[in-house]
């Protein structure tokens, strides 16, 4: 297991980038066990979001992100999410999401 900041988890679950893209992509590589090409990042994000919401029930209560996410209100939004979820980091197992193009449909269903 690896510990990840809530900003990455929120970015994946809400499909709004409130963290750095490199750490976002590293996280997706971790949970899929693959080195994702850029064009597969969204597929991996969708499958990973489904996994996270199914296995970490407090994430289903995350508030919606603001319309505009600059660095100032992104931090405020993540702090608001931390209050709802009750943590600022999550331990996530590696290779728990299958999202290779041929297996993605199974992971999302």
Protein backbone atom coordinates (compact mmCIF):
# COMPACT_ATOMS: atom_id res chain seq x y z
CA UNK A 1 0.00 0.00 0.00
CA UNK A 2 1.02 3.55 -0.67
CA UNK A 3 -0.33 6.66 1.01
CA UNK A 4 -1.67 9.37 -1.30
CA UNK A 5 -2.87 12.88 -0.50
CA UNK A 6 -6.59 13.52 -0.69
CA UNK A 7 -6.07 16.07 -3.49
CA UNK A 8 -5.20 13.23 -5.89
CA UNK A 9 -8.11 11.08 -4.75
CA UNK A 10 -10.53 14.00 -5.14
CA UNK A 11 -9.12 14.77 -8.59
CA UNK A 12 -9.84 11.21 -9.69
CA UNK A 13 -13.28 10.91 -8.08
CA UNK A 14 -14.57 14.30 -9.19
CA UNK A 15 -12.79 14.49 -12.55
CA UNK A 16 -11.40 17.92 -11.70
CA UNK A 17 -7.66 18.33 -11.40
CA UNK A 18 -6.82 19.83 -7.97
CA UNK A 19 -3.32 18.37 -7.81
CA UNK A 20 -0.32 18.22 -10.11
CA UNK A 21 -0.79 16.21 -13.28
CA UNK A 22 2.39 14.20 -12.74
CA UNK A 23 1.27 12.99 -9.31
CA UNK A 24 -2.22 12.31 -10.72
CA UNK A 25 -0.75 10.14 -13.48
CA UNK A 26 1.66 8.42 -11.05
CA UNK A 27 -1.32 7.52 -8.88
CA UNK A 28 -3.20 6.03 -11.84
CA UNK A 29 -0.08 4.09 -12.81
CA UNK A 30 0.07 2.77 -9.23
CA UNK A 31 -3.52 1.55 -9.04
CA UNK A 32 -3.48 0.03 -12.52
CA UNK A 33 0.03 -1.41 -12.32
CA UNK A 34 0.67 -0.02 -15.79
CA UNK A 35 2.66 2.84 -17.30
CA UNK A 36 -0.33 4.52 -18.91
CA UNK A 37 0.09 6.34 -22.18
CA UNK A 38 -1.47 9.79 -22.11
CA UNK A 39 -4.47 8.71 -24.17
CA UNK A 40 -5.42 6.06 -21.60
CA UNK A 41 -5.39 8.37 -18.56
CA UNK A 42 -9.12 9.18 -18.77
CA UNK A 43 -10.07 5.51 -19.09
CA UNK A 44 -7.93 4.70 -16.06
CA UNK A 45 -9.41 7.66 -14.16
CA UNK A 46 -12.99 6.49 -14.78
CA UNK A 47 -12.27 2.91 -13.71
CA UNK A 48 -10.26 4.08 -10.68
CA UNK A 49 -13.00 6.49 -9.59
CA UNK A 50 -15.51 3.66 -9.66
CA UNK A 51 -13.17 1.49 -7.58
CA UNK A 52 -12.46 4.27 -5.05
CA UNK A 53 -16.13 5.17 -4.60
CA UNK A 54 -17.03 1.50 -4.11
CA UNK A 55 -14.28 0.77 -1.59
CA UNK A 56 -14.14 4.07 0.35
CA UNK A 57 -17.76 4.98 1.07
CA UNK A 58 -17.04 8.45 2.59
CA UNK A 59 -15.80 9.54 -0.85
CA UNK A 60 -19.38 9.30 -2.13
CA UNK A 61 -20.17 12.34 0.03
CA UNK A 62 -17.54 14.61 -1.55
CA UNK A 63 -18.92 18.05 -2.41
CA UNK A 64 -18.89 19.17 -6.02
CA UNK A 65 -15.83 21.18 -7.04
CA UNK A 66 -16.08 24.92 -7.70
CA UNK A 67 -16.68 26.06 -11.28
CA UNK A 68 -13.20 27.55 -11.49
CA UNK A 69 -10.33 25.74 -9.86
CA UNK A 70 -7.26 27.91 -9.45
CA UNK A 71 -4.53 27.16 -6.94
CA UNK A 72 -6.22 29.23 -4.22
CA UNK A 73 -9.67 27.72 -4.29
CA UNK A 74 -8.34 24.25 -5.17
CA UNK A 75 -6.67 24.10 -1.75
CA UNK A 76 -9.80 25.40 -0.08
CA UNK A 77 -11.87 22.78 -1.90
CA UNK A 78 -9.54 19.93 -0.85
CA UNK A 79 -9.69 21.12 2.79
CA UNK A 80 -13.49 21.13 2.54
CA UNK A 81 -13.35 17.56 1.19
CA UNK A 82 -11.04 16.53 4.04
CA UNK A 83 -13.64 17.70 6.55
CA UNK A 84 -16.31 15.60 4.84
CA UNK A 85 -14.14 12.49 4.46
CA UNK A 86 -12.32 12.86 7.77
CA UNK A 87 -8.80 12.26 6.40
CA UNK A 88 -6.17 14.10 4.38
CA UNK A 89 -4.53 10.94 2.97
CA UNK A 90 -5.59 7.46 1.95
CA UNK A 91 -3.67 4.19 1.74
CA UNK A 92 -4.23 2.65 -1.66
CA UNK A 93 -3.19 -0.80 -2.86
CA UNK A 94 -1.35 -1.19 -6.12
CA UNK A 95 -2.64 -2.98 -9.19
CA UNK A 96 -6.26 -3.05 -8.07
CA UNK A 97 -7.87 -1.56 -11.19
CA UNK A 98 -7.85 -3.17 -14.61
CA UNK A 99 -8.12 -0.63 -17.36
CA UNK A 100 -6.20 -1.92 -20.34
CA UNK A 101 -8.30 -1.15 -23.42
CA UNK A 102 -9.40 -4.76 -23.74
CA UNK A 103 -10.36 -5.09 -20.05
CA UNK A 104 -11.68 -1.58 -19.41
CA UNK A 105 -15.28 -2.48 -20.14
CA UNK A 106 -15.16 -5.16 -17.44
CA UNK A 107 -13.63 -2.75 -14.91
CA UNK A 108 -16.29 -0.09 -15.46
CA UNK A 109 -19.35 -2.37 -15.40
